[in-house]
C-alpha cells in the first residue's frame, strides 16, 4: 500500500525527461549524448541544471589541450 501511495504522489507531482545530443557540425556525428529525467516539485529546474552541467563538462573537456 505504501509503495502505491508513493507512486501516486510521484505521478501527481509529474516528471520531466530530456535528451540532448551535441553533434559535430562537419561530420553530423553525435559526440556527446545525454539524457536526464527527474520527478518531484523541482523537476524542471533540476533537469535543466543536469543538462547544463553536462554541457559545461563537455565544453571544458573540449577546451583542454590535447596531449
Protein backbone atom coordinates (compact mmCIF):
# COMPACT_ATOMS: atom_id res chain seq x y z
CA UNK A 1 0.00 0.00 0.00
CA UNK A 2 2.78 2.46 0.88
CA UNK A 3 4.50 1.84 -2.46
CA UNK A 4 1.24 2.54 -4.29
CA UNK A 5 0.79 5.80 -2.40
CA UNK A 6 4.37 6.86 -3.16
CA UNK A 7 3.85 6.08 -6.85
CA UNK A 8 0.61 8.07 -6.85
CA UNK A 9 2.38 11.05 -5.25
CA UNK A 10 5.16 10.92 -7.84
CA UNK A 11 2.58 10.77 -10.64
CA UNK A 12 0.70 13.73 -9.19
CA UNK A 13 3.88 15.80 -8.98
CA UNK A 14 4.81 14.87 -12.52
CA UNK A 15 8.17 14.25 -14.05
CA UNK A 16 10.33 15.55 -16.85
CA UNK A 17 12.58 13.74 -19.28
CA UNK A 18 15.03 15.48 -21.57
CA UNK A 19 17.57 14.22 -24.07
CA UNK A 20 20.30 16.35 -25.59
CA UNK A 21 22.89 15.47 -28.18
CA UNK A 22 25.92 17.51 -29.13
CA UNK A 23 26.55 16.97 -32.85
CA UNK A 24 29.75 17.63 -34.81
CA UNK A 25 28.69 20.12 -37.49
CA UNK A 26 31.20 18.80 -40.02
CA UNK A 27 30.52 15.08 -39.71
CA UNK A 28 26.98 15.04 -38.27
CA UNK A 29 28.24 12.54 -35.69
CA UNK A 30 26.78 12.67 -32.18
CA UNK A 31 29.77 13.41 -29.96
CA UNK A 32 28.03 13.67 -26.60
CA UNK A 33 24.57 12.28 -25.90
CA UNK A 34 22.92 12.86 -22.53
CA UNK A 35 19.53 12.04 -21.04
CA UNK A 36 18.09 13.38 -17.80
CA UNK A 37 14.88 12.68 -16.01
CA UNK A 38 13.61 13.99 -12.71
CA UNK A 39 10.43 13.84 -10.72
CA UNK A 40 9.12 15.97 -7.91
CA UNK A 41 8.43 19.60 -7.26
CA UNK A 42 11.73 20.96 -8.62
CA UNK A 43 11.77 18.63 -11.62
CA UNK A 44 12.15 21.16 -14.41
CA UNK A 45 14.90 23.14 -12.73
CA UNK A 46 16.81 20.01 -11.68
CA UNK A 47 16.57 18.52 -15.18
CA UNK A 48 17.74 21.78 -16.76
CA UNK A 49 20.64 22.03 -14.29
CA UNK A 50 21.65 18.44 -15.01
CA UNK A 51 21.77 19.11 -18.76
CA UNK A 52 23.61 22.41 -18.25
CA UNK A 53 26.22 20.72 -16.06
CA UNK A 54 26.75 18.01 -18.67
CA UNK A 55 27.17 20.64 -21.40
CA UNK A 56 29.61 22.62 -19.23
CA UNK A 57 31.71 19.50 -18.60
CA UNK A 58 31.76 18.75 -22.34
CA UNK A 59 32.90 22.29 -23.18
CA UNK A 60 35.60 22.29 -20.50
CA UNK A 61 36.88 18.91 -21.66
CA UNK A 62 36.91 20.11 -25.29
CA UNK A 63 38.97 23.16 -24.35
CA UNK A 64 41.69 21.13 -22.59
CA UNK A 65 44.93 20.98 -24.57
CA UNK A 66 45.41 17.69 -26.39
CA UNK A 67 48.42 15.64 -25.24
